[in-house]
Amino acid sequence: MTKNIASRQNDEARAVYLRFRRLFGTGTFKSNDQKKRETRVEGASVPFGIGRDPLGLSAVIDGLTSNMGWTSPLAQSDLVASWVEIAGAETAEHSTPVGIEDGVLTVQCDSTAWATQLRLMRTQITTHIALTYPDAQIRSVRFEGPNAPSWKRGPRSIPGRGPRDTYG
């Protein structure tokens, strides 16, 4: 299990390194004059030429997020933050999104009844998410009920019949 986690982290680190290398180059040093000579476009140094118009802050931020590949994580965080609008106020009181992994949104519910009710609404919620947050790349939603305590694991567990042996 830890080997799988380590390989996933190595794959993710490799992907980030390759993306940065593609965006920022191989790291060879070039002087500013050499960079200017390579990127000089005829007619670009004149006023009102190509690329001379100022951009708004939102355009700069949008360009940065798309170049760095941050659109999906940002859309996923927006989705989690706006769970009340997606599920409704009453439903959001009894359910909380806990994470997104491999395109699956996991939602923790207060009771098994709420989990069952939300499973029945799965197509509506998934459709709403796909239409509102297409960049989040959510393929499905998993609803989980509350976790019951386990008597089989822990520092004081022993093999045998279980909790029936410990009471009078």
N, C-alpha and C. Protein backbone atom coordinates (compact mmCIF):
# COMPACT_ATOMS: atom_id res chain seq x y z
N MET A 1 0.82 -1.19 0.00
CA MET A 1 0.00 0.00 0.00
C MET A 1 0.87 1.26 0.00
N THR A 2 1.92 1.26 0.87
CA THR A 2 2.80 2.43 0.90
C THR A 2 3.63 2.51 -0.38
N LYS A 3 3.91 1.35 -0.99
CA LYS A 3 4.63 1.35 -2.26
C LYS A 3 3.79 2.03 -3.34
N ASN A 4 2.48 1.78 -3.33
CA ASN A 4 1.57 2.40 -4.30
C ASN A 4 1.51 3.91 -4.08
N ILE A 5 1.47 4.34 -2.82
CA ILE A 5 1.42 5.78 -2.53
C ILE A 5 2.73 6.43 -2.97
N ALA A 6 3.86 5.77 -2.70
CA ALA A 6 5.15 6.34 -3.09
C ALA A 6 5.27 6.44 -4.60
N SER A 7 4.79 5.43 -5.33
CA SER A 7 4.87 5.50 -6.80
C SER A 7 3.96 6.58 -7.34
N ARG A 8 2.77 6.79 -6.71
CA ARG A 8 1.88 7.86 -7.14
C ARG A 8 2.52 9.22 -6.90
N GLN A 9 3.22 9.39 -5.75
CA GLN A 9 3.89 10.65 -5.47
C GLN A 9 5.02 10.88 -6.45
N ASN A 10 5.77 9.82 -6.81
CA ASN A 10 6.84 9.97 -7.79
C ASN A 10 6.28 10.34 -9.15
N ASP A 11 5.16 9.72 -9.55
CA ASP A 11 4.54 10.06 -10.83
C ASP A 11 4.07 11.51 -10.85
N GLU A 12 3.49 11.96 -9.73
CA GLU A 12 3.02 13.33 -9.66
C GLU A 12 4.19 14.31 -9.70
N ALA A 13 5.27 14.00 -8.98
CA ALA A 13 6.45 14.86 -8.99
C ALA A 13 7.06 14.91 -10.38
N ARG A 14 7.10 13.78 -11.08
CA ARG A 14 7.64 13.74 -12.43
C ARG A 14 6.78 14.59 -13.37
N ALA A 15 5.45 14.50 -13.21
CA ALA A 15 4.56 15.27 -14.08
C ALA A 15 4.74 16.77 -13.85
N VAL A 16 4.89 17.18 -12.58
CA VAL A 16 5.10 18.60 -12.28
C VAL A 16 6.43 19.08 -12.86
N TYR A 17 7.48 18.25 -12.70
CA TYR A 17 8.79 18.63 -13.26
C TYR A 17 8.72 18.79 -14.77
N LEU A 18 8.08 17.85 -15.46
CA LEU A 18 8.00 17.93 -16.92
C LEU A 18 7.18 19.14 -17.37
N ARG A 19 6.10 19.46 -16.62
CA ARG A 19 5.29 20.63 -16.97
C ARG A 19 6.11 21.91 -16.80
N PHE A 20 6.86 22.03 -15.68
CA PHE A 20 7.69 23.21 -15.48
C PHE A 20 8.79 23.30 -16.53
N ARG A 21 9.36 22.18 -16.90
CA ARG A 21 10.41 22.18 -17.91
C ARG A 21 9.85 22.64 -19.25
N ARG A 22 8.61 22.20 -19.57
CA ARG A 22 7.99 22.61 -20.82
C ARG A 22 7.69 24.11 -20.80
N LEU A 23 7.26 24.63 -19.63
CA LEU A 23 6.91 26.05 -19.56
C LEU A 23 8.13 26.96 -19.50
N PHE A 24 9.14 26.57 -18.70
CA PHE A 24 10.24 27.47 -18.44
C PHE A 24 11.52 27.10 -19.18
N GLY A 25 11.52 26.01 -19.93
CA GLY A 25 12.69 25.64 -20.71
C GLY A 25 13.58 24.68 -19.96
N THR A 26 14.75 24.44 -20.56
CA THR A 26 15.65 23.43 -20.02
C THR A 26 16.58 23.98 -18.95
N GLY A 27 16.58 25.26 -18.73
CA GLY A 27 17.43 25.84 -17.69
C GLY A 27 18.75 26.36 -18.21
N THR A 28 18.96 26.32 -19.52
CA THR A 28 20.20 26.89 -20.05
C THR A 28 20.09 28.40 -19.98
N PHE A 29 21.19 29.03 -19.62
CA PHE A 29 21.20 30.47 -19.43
C PHE A 29 21.39 31.19 -20.76
N LYS A 30 20.54 32.17 -20.99
CA LYS A 30 20.69 33.03 -22.16
C LYS A 30 20.65 34.47 -21.68
N SER A 31 21.47 35.31 -22.29
CA SER A 31 21.48 36.71 -21.90
C SER A 31 20.19 37.37 -22.38
N ASN A 32 19.89 38.51 -21.79
CA ASN A 32 18.68 39.23 -22.19
C ASN A 32 18.74 39.65 -23.65
N ASP A 33 19.92 40.05 -24.12
CA ASP A 33 20.06 40.44 -25.52
C ASP A 33 19.80 39.26 -26.46
N GLN A 34 20.29 38.10 -26.07
CA GLN A 34 20.08 36.91 -26.91
C GLN A 34 18.59 36.53 -26.95
N LYS A 35 17.93 36.66 -25.82
CA LYS A 35 16.49 36.37 -25.79
C LYS A 35 15.72 37.35 -26.68
N LYS A 36 16.11 38.62 -26.62
CA LYS A 36 15.43 39.62 -27.44
C LYS A 36 15.65 39.36 -28.92
N ARG A 37 16.88 38.98 -29.30
CA ARG A 37 17.15 38.70 -30.71
C ARG A 37 16.34 37.50 -31.20
N GLU A 38 16.17 36.48 -30.36
CA GLU A 38 15.43 35.29 -30.78
C GLU A 38 13.93 35.56 -30.89
N THR A 39 13.41 36.42 -30.04
CA THR A 39 11.96 36.63 -30.01
C THR A 39 11.52 37.90 -30.73
N ARG A 40 12.43 38.56 -31.42
CA ARG A 40 12.07 39.81 -32.08
C ARG A 40 11.13 39.53 -33.25
N VAL A 41 10.03 40.24 -33.26
CA VAL A 41 9.05 40.14 -34.33
C VAL A 41 9.04 41.48 -35.07
N GLU A 42 9.02 41.41 -36.39
CA GLU A 42 9.05 42.63 -37.19
C GLU A 42 7.81 43.47 -36.91
N GLY A 43 8.01 44.73 -36.56
CA GLY A 43 6.89 45.63 -36.32
C GLY A 43 6.36 45.58 -34.90
N ALA A 44 6.95 44.76 -34.02
CA ALA A 44 6.43 44.64 -32.66
C ALA A 44 6.90 45.76 -31.75
N SER A 45 7.97 46.47 -32.12
CA SER A 45 8.51 47.50 -31.23
C SER A 45 7.88 48.86 -31.47
N VAL A 46 6.96 48.93 -32.40
CA VAL A 46 6.30 50.21 -32.67
C VAL A 46 5.14 50.38 -31.70
N PRO A 47 4.79 51.63 -31.38
CA PRO A 47 3.63 51.83 -30.51
C PRO A 47 2.37 51.22 -31.13
N PHE A 48 1.53 50.70 -30.31
CA PHE A 48 0.28 50.05 -30.71
C PHE A 48 0.51 48.81 -31.56
N GLY A 49 1.70 48.21 -31.44
CA GLY A 49 2.01 46.99 -32.19
C GLY A 49 1.44 45.76 -31.49
N ILE A 50 1.79 44.61 -32.02
CA ILE A 50 1.29 43.35 -31.50
C ILE A 50 1.83 43.12 -30.09
N GLY A 51 0.96 42.79 -29.16
CA GLY A 51 1.36 42.49 -27.81
C GLY A 51 1.62 43.69 -26.93
N ARG A 52 1.27 44.88 -27.38
CA ARG A 52 1.55 46.09 -26.62
C ARG A 52 0.37 46.56 -25.79
N ASP A 53 -0.81 45.98 -26.01
CA ASP A 53 -1.98 46.42 -25.25
C ASP A 53 -1.91 45.89 -23.83
N PRO A 54 -2.24 46.73 -22.85
CA PRO A 54 -2.24 46.24 -21.47
C PRO A 54 -3.41 45.27 -21.25
N LEU A 55 -3.19 44.33 -20.34
CA LEU A 55 -4.21 43.35 -20.01
C LEU A 55 -4.76 43.62 -18.63
N GLY A 56 -6.01 43.25 -18.42
CA GLY A 56 -6.60 43.36 -17.10
C GLY A 56 -6.06 42.27 -16.18
N LEU A 57 -6.24 42.46 -14.89
CA LEU A 57 -5.73 41.50 -13.92
C LEU A 57 -6.38 40.14 -14.08
N SER A 58 -7.68 40.11 -14.39
CA SER A 58 -8.36 38.82 -14.55
C SER A 58 -7.81 38.05 -15.74
N ALA A 59 -7.46 38.75 -16.82
CA ALA A 59 -6.89 38.07 -17.98
C ALA A 59 -5.51 37.50 -17.67
N VAL A 60 -4.74 38.23 -16.89
CA VAL A 60 -3.41 37.76 -16.51
C VAL A 60 -3.53 36.53 -15.61
N ILE A 61 -4.44 36.58 -14.63
CA ILE A 61 -4.63 35.44 -13.72
C ILE A 61 -5.17 34.23 -14.49
N ASP A 62 -6.12 34.45 -15.39
CA ASP A 62 -6.64 33.34 -16.19
C ASP A 62 -5.55 32.70 -17.04
N GLY A 63 -4.69 33.51 -17.63
CA GLY A 63 -3.59 32.98 -18.43
C GLY A 63 -2.60 32.20 -17.57
N LEU A 64 -2.33 32.71 -16.38
CA LEU A 64 -1.41 32.02 -15.48
C LEU A 64 -1.97 30.66 -15.05
N THR A 65 -3.25 30.63 -14.67
CA THR A 65 -3.84 29.36 -14.20
C THR A 65 -3.91 28.34 -15.34
N SER A 66 -4.20 28.78 -16.54
CA SER A 66 -4.27 27.82 -17.64
C SER A 66 -2.87 27.34 -18.04
N ASN A 67 -1.87 28.23 -18.03
CA ASN A 67 -0.50 27.82 -18.37
C ASN A 67 0.08 26.87 -17.34
N MET A 68 -0.23 27.06 -16.08
CA MET A 68 0.33 26.23 -15.02
C MET A 68 -0.50 24.97 -14.77
N GLY A 69 -1.66 24.86 -15.40
CA GLY A 69 -2.48 23.66 -15.22
C GLY A 69 -3.26 23.66 -13.92
N TRP A 70 -3.63 24.84 -13.44
CA TRP A 70 -4.33 24.94 -12.16
C TRP A 70 -5.84 25.04 -12.31
N THR A 71 -6.38 24.98 -13.52
CA THR A 71 -7.82 25.19 -13.69
C THR A 71 -8.63 24.10 -13.01
N SER A 72 -8.22 22.84 -13.12
CA SER A 72 -8.98 21.76 -12.50
C SER A 72 -8.95 21.82 -10.98
N PRO A 73 -7.79 21.99 -10.32
CA PRO A 73 -7.81 22.10 -8.86
C PRO A 73 -8.59 23.31 -8.35
N LEU A 74 -8.51 24.42 -9.07
CA LEU A 74 -9.27 25.60 -8.65
C LEU A 74 -10.77 25.37 -8.80
N ALA A 75 -11.19 24.73 -9.89
CA ALA A 75 -12.61 24.43 -10.08
C ALA A 75 -13.09 23.44 -9.03
N GLN A 76 -12.24 22.48 -8.65
CA GLN A 76 -12.63 21.52 -7.62
C GLN A 76 -12.79 22.20 -6.26
N SER A 77 -11.92 23.13 -5.94
CA SER A 77 -12.06 23.84 -4.66
C SER A 77 -13.29 24.75 -4.68
N ASP A 78 -13.62 25.35 -5.83
CA ASP A 78 -14.86 26.12 -5.94
C ASP A 78 -16.08 25.23 -5.74
N LEU A 79 -16.02 24.04 -6.29
CA LEU A 79 -17.13 23.09 -6.14
C LEU A 79 -17.34 22.73 -4.68
N VAL A 80 -16.27 22.40 -3.96
CA VAL A 80 -16.39 22.04 -2.55
C VAL A 80 -16.90 23.22 -1.73
N ALA A 81 -16.43 24.43 -2.06
CA ALA A 81 -16.85 25.62 -1.31
C ALA A 81 -18.31 25.96 -1.55
N SER A 82 -18.85 25.62 -2.71
CA SER A 82 -20.24 25.96 -3.01
C SER A 82 -21.16 24.75 -2.93
N TRP A 83 -20.87 23.82 -2.04
CA TRP A 83 -21.69 22.62 -1.87
C TRP A 83 -23.13 22.98 -1.47
N VAL A 84 -23.32 24.07 -0.72
CA VAL A 84 -24.66 24.47 -0.30
C VAL A 84 -25.53 24.80 -1.51
N GLU A 85 -24.97 25.50 -2.50
CA GLU A 85 -25.74 25.83 -3.70
C GLU A 85 -26.01 24.60 -4.56
N ILE A 86 -25.09 23.64 -4.55
CA ILE A 86 -25.25 22.44 -5.38
C ILE A 86 -26.30 21.52 -4.80
N ALA A 87 -26.20 21.23 -3.50
CA ALA A 87 -27.07 20.23 -2.88
C ALA A 87 -28.33 20.83 -2.28
N GLY A 88 -28.34 22.09 -1.98
CA GLY A 88 -29.47 22.70 -1.30
C GLY A 88 -29.12 22.90 0.17
N ALA A 89 -29.79 23.85 0.81
CA ALA A 89 -29.44 24.23 2.18
C ALA A 89 -29.69 23.08 3.16
N GLU A 90 -30.86 22.45 3.07
CA GLU A 90 -31.19 21.39 4.03
C GLU A 90 -30.29 20.17 3.84
N THR A 91 -30.06 19.81 2.61
CA THR A 91 -29.20 18.66 2.33
C THR A 91 -27.76 18.93 2.74
N ALA A 92 -27.30 20.15 2.54
CA ALA A 92 -25.92 20.49 2.88
C ALA A 92 -25.69 20.49 4.39
N GLU A 93 -26.76 20.67 5.18
CA GLU A 93 -26.62 20.58 6.63
C GLU A 93 -26.27 19.16 7.07
N HIS A 94 -26.67 18.17 6.29
CA HIS A 94 -26.49 16.77 6.67
C HIS A 94 -25.44 16.06 5.82
N SER A 95 -24.74 16.79 4.96
CA SER A 95 -23.71 16.17 4.12
C SER A 95 -22.56 17.15 3.91
N THR A 96 -21.36 16.59 3.80
CA THR A 96 -20.17 17.40 3.63
C THR A 96 -19.24 16.73 2.61
N PRO A 97 -18.79 17.46 1.58
CA PRO A 97 -17.80 16.88 0.67
C PRO A 97 -16.46 16.75 1.39
N VAL A 98 -15.87 15.56 1.32
CA VAL A 98 -14.62 15.31 2.05
C VAL A 98 -13.42 15.22 1.13
N GLY A 99 -13.62 15.00 -0.16
CA GLY A 99 -12.46 14.94 -1.05
C GLY A 99 -12.82 14.56 -2.46
N ILE A 100 -11.87 14.79 -3.35
CA ILE A 100 -12.00 14.44 -4.76
C ILE A 100 -10.76 13.66 -5.14
N GLU A 101 -10.97 12.45 -5.66
CA GLU A 101 -9.84 11.62 -6.06
C GLU A 101 -10.21 10.88 -7.34
N ASP A 102 -9.39 11.04 -8.37
CA ASP A 102 -9.58 10.39 -9.66
C ASP A 102 -10.96 10.67 -10.26
N GLY A 103 -11.43 11.91 -10.14
CA GLY A 103 -12.70 12.30 -10.73
C GLY A 103 -13.92 11.85 -9.94
N VAL A 104 -13.74 11.38 -8.71
CA VAL A 104 -14.85 10.93 -7.87
C VAL A 104 -14.94 11.84 -6.66
N LEU A 105 -16.07 12.53 -6.52
CA LEU A 105 -16.34 13.38 -5.37
C LEU A 105 -16.91 12.52 -4.26
N THR A 106 -16.28 12.52 -3.09
CA THR A 106 -16.75 11.74 -1.95
C THR A 106 -17.46 12.68 -0.98
N VAL A 107 -18.70 12.30 -0.61
CA VAL A 107 -19.51 13.12 0.28
C VAL A 107 -19.83 12.29 1.52
N GLN A 108 -19.53 12.82 2.71
CA GLN A 108 -19.83 12.16 3.98
C GLN A 108 -21.18 12.66 4.48
N CYS A 109 -22.08 11.73 4.81
CA CYS A 109 -23.43 12.09 5.25
C CYS A 109 -23.57 11.81 6.75
N ASP A 110 -24.52 12.51 7.40
CA ASP A 110 -24.74 12.34 8.84
C ASP A 110 -25.32 10.99 9.19
N SER A 111 -26.16 10.43 8.32
CA SER A 111 -26.80 9.15 8.62
C SER A 111 -26.91 8.34 7.33
N THR A 112 -27.21 7.06 7.50
CA THR A 112 -27.38 6.22 6.32
C THR A 112 -28.63 6.62 5.54
N ALA A 113 -29.61 7.17 6.22
CA ALA A 113 -30.82 7.62 5.53
C ALA A 113 -30.49 8.77 4.57
N TRP A 114 -29.67 9.72 5.02
CA TRP A 114 -29.27 10.82 4.15
C TRP A 114 -28.40 10.32 3.01
N ALA A 115 -27.54 9.36 3.28
CA ALA A 115 -26.70 8.80 2.22
C ALA A 115 -27.56 8.13 1.16
N THR A 116 -28.58 7.39 1.60
CA THR A 116 -29.48 6.73 0.65
C THR A 116 -30.26 7.76 -0.16
N GLN A 117 -30.75 8.80 0.50
CA GLN A 117 -31.50 9.84 -0.21
C GLN A 117 -30.63 10.52 -1.26
N LEU A 118 -29.38 10.81 -0.92
CA LEU A 118 -28.49 11.46 -1.87
C LEU A 118 -28.08 10.51 -2.99
N ARG A 119 -28.01 9.21 -2.71
CA ARG A 119 -27.73 8.25 -3.79
C ARG A 119 -28.86 8.27 -4.81
N LEU A 120 -30.08 8.47 -4.35
CA LEU A 120 -31.21 8.55 -5.28
C LEU A 120 -31.15 9.83 -6.11
N MET A 121 -30.51 10.86 -5.59
CA MET A 121 -30.39 12.13 -6.30
C MET A 121 -29.06 12.24 -7.06
N ARG A 122 -28.31 11.16 -7.14
CA ARG A 122 -26.96 11.18 -7.71
C ARG A 122 -26.93 11.75 -9.13
N THR A 123 -27.84 11.34 -10.00
CA THR A 123 -27.80 11.82 -11.39
C THR A 123 -28.06 13.32 -11.47
N GLN A 124 -28.99 13.82 -10.65
CA GLN A 124 -29.27 15.25 -10.67
C GLN A 124 -28.05 16.04 -10.18
N ILE A 125 -27.42 15.57 -9.11
CA ILE A 125 -26.27 16.28 -8.56
C ILE A 125 -25.09 16.22 -9.53
N THR A 126 -24.84 15.06 -10.11
CA THR A 126 -23.74 14.91 -11.05
C THR A 126 -23.95 15.78 -12.29
N THR A 127 -25.18 15.83 -12.79
CA THR A 127 -25.48 16.67 -13.95
C THR A 127 -25.28 18.15 -13.62
N HIS A 128 -25.74 18.56 -12.45
CA HIS A 128 -25.57 19.96 -12.03
C HIS A 128 -24.09 20.31 -11.92
N ILE A 129 -23.29 19.41 -11.35
CA ILE A 129 -21.85 19.65 -11.22
C ILE A 129 -21.20 19.73 -12.60
N ALA A 130 -21.59 18.82 -13.51
CA ALA A 130 -20.99 18.80 -14.85
C ALA A 130 -21.31 20.07 -15.63
N LEU A 131 -22.50 20.61 -15.44
CA LEU A 131 -22.88 21.83 -16.15
C LEU A 131 -22.27 23.08 -15.52
N THR A 132 -22.21 23.12 -14.19
CA THR A 132 -21.74 24.32 -13.49
C THR A 132 -20.22 24.37 -13.39
N TYR A 133 -19.59 23.22 -13.16
CA TYR A 133 -18.14 23.16 -12.97
C TYR A 133 -17.52 22.15 -13.94
N PRO A 134 -17.50 22.45 -15.23
CA PRO A 134 -16.95 21.48 -16.18
C PRO A 134 -15.44 21.29 -16.03
N ASP A 135 -14.72 22.32 -15.55
CA ASP A 135 -13.27 22.20 -15.38
C ASP A 135 -12.88 21.32 -14.21
N ALA A 136 -13.82 21.03 -13.30
CA ALA A 136 -13.51 20.19 -12.14
C ALA A 136 -13.31 18.73 -12.53
N GLN A 137 -13.83 18.33 -13.68
CA GLN A 137 -13.66 16.97 -14.21
C GLN A 137 -14.17 15.91 -13.24
N ILE A 138 -15.37 16.12 -12.69
CA ILE A 138 -16.00 15.15 -11.80
C ILE A 138 -16.81 14.19 -12.65
N ARG A 139 -16.50 12.88 -12.55
CA ARG A 139 -17.22 11.86 -13.31
C ARG A 139 -18.35 11.24 -12.51
N SER A 140 -18.16 11.11 -11.20
CA SER A 140 -19.21 10.50 -10.37
C SER A 140 -19.10 11.02 -8.94
N VAL A 141 -20.16 10.73 -8.18
CA VAL A 141 -20.22 11.16 -6.79
C VAL A 141 -20.49 9.93 -5.93
N ARG A 142 -19.73 9.79 -4.84
CA ARG A 142 -19.91 8.66 -3.92
C ARG A 142 -20.38 9.22 -2.58
N PHE A 143 -21.49 8.67 -2.08
CA PHE A 143 -22.06 9.10 -0.81
C PHE A 143 -21.80 8.04 0.23
N GLU A 144 -21.23 8.44 1.36
CA GLU A 144 -20.91 7.51 2.43
C GLU A 144 -21.69 7.87 3.68
N GLY A 145 -22.13 6.85 4.40
CA GLY A 145 -22.80 7.04 5.67
C GLY A 145 -21.77 7.21 6.77
N PRO A 146 -22.25 7.35 8.01
CA PRO A 146 -21.30 7.50 9.12
C PRO A 146 -20.52 6.21 9.34
N ASN A 147 -19.31 6.34 9.81
CA ASN A 147 -18.48 5.17 10.07
C ASN A 147 -18.79 4.64 11.46
N ALA A 148 -19.12 3.36 11.55
CA ALA A 148 -19.40 2.73 12.84
C ALA A 148 -18.08 2.29 13.47
N PRO A 149 -18.03 2.30 14.80
CA PRO A 149 -16.78 1.86 15.44
C PRO A 149 -16.56 0.37 15.22
N SER A 150 -15.32 -0.01 15.07
CA SER A 150 -14.98 -1.40 14.85
C SER A 150 -14.44 -2.01 16.13
N TRP A 151 -14.96 -3.18 16.46
CA TRP A 151 -14.49 -3.87 17.65
C TRP A 151 -13.37 -4.84 17.30
N LYS A 152 -13.05 -4.97 16.04
CA LYS A 152 -12.06 -5.96 15.61
C LYS A 152 -10.65 -5.42 15.56
N ARG A 153 -10.46 -4.11 15.56
CA ARG A 153 -9.13 -3.53 15.43
C ARG A 153 -8.87 -2.58 16.58
N GLY A 154 -7.61 -2.38 16.84
CA GLY A 154 -7.23 -1.43 17.87
C GLY A 154 -6.21 -2.03 18.82
N PRO A 155 -5.71 -1.19 19.73
CA PRO A 155 -4.64 -1.67 20.62
C PRO A 155 -5.13 -2.69 21.65
N ARG A 156 -6.41 -2.73 21.97
CA ARG A 156 -6.90 -3.63 23.01
C ARG A 156 -7.77 -4.76 22.45
N SER A 157 -7.68 -5.02 21.17
CA SER A 157 -8.49 -6.10 20.60
C SER A 157 -7.78 -7.43 20.78
N ILE A 158 -8.57 -8.46 20.98
CA ILE A 158 -8.04 -9.81 21.12
C ILE A 158 -8.87 -10.73 20.25
N PRO A 159 -8.30 -11.84 19.82
CA PRO A 159 -9.10 -12.76 19.04
C PRO A 159 -10.17 -13.41 19.92
N GLY A 160 -11.30 -13.65 19.35
CA GLY A 160 -12.38 -14.26 20.11
C GLY A 160 -13.72 -13.77 19.67
N ARG A 161 -14.70 -13.87 20.56
CA ARG A 161 -16.07 -13.55 20.21
C ARG A 161 -16.33 -12.06 20.12
N GLY A 162 -15.48 -11.24 20.64
CA GLY A 162 -15.67 -9.81 20.51
C GLY A 162 -16.21 -9.17 21.76
N PRO A 163 -17.05 -8.12 21.62
CA PRO A 163 -17.47 -7.35 22.79
C PRO A 163 -18.35 -8.14 23.75
N ARG A 164 -18.92 -9.25 23.33
CA ARG A 164 -19.78 -10.02 24.23
C ARG A 164 -18.99 -10.61 25.39
N ASP A 165 -17.68 -10.84 25.17
CA ASP A 165 -16.85 -11.43 26.22
C ASP A 165 -16.50 -10.44 27.31
N THR A 166 -16.57 -9.14 27.03
CA THR A 166 -16.07 -8.14 27.97
C THR A 166 -17.15 -7.68 28.95
N TYR A 167 -18.40 -8.02 28.73
CA TYR A 167 -19.47 -7.53 29.59
C TYR A 167 -19.95 -8.64 30.51
N GLY A 168 -20.09 -8.36 31.81
CA GLY A 168 -20.58 -9.16 32.90
C GLY A 168 -21.12 -10.45 32.60
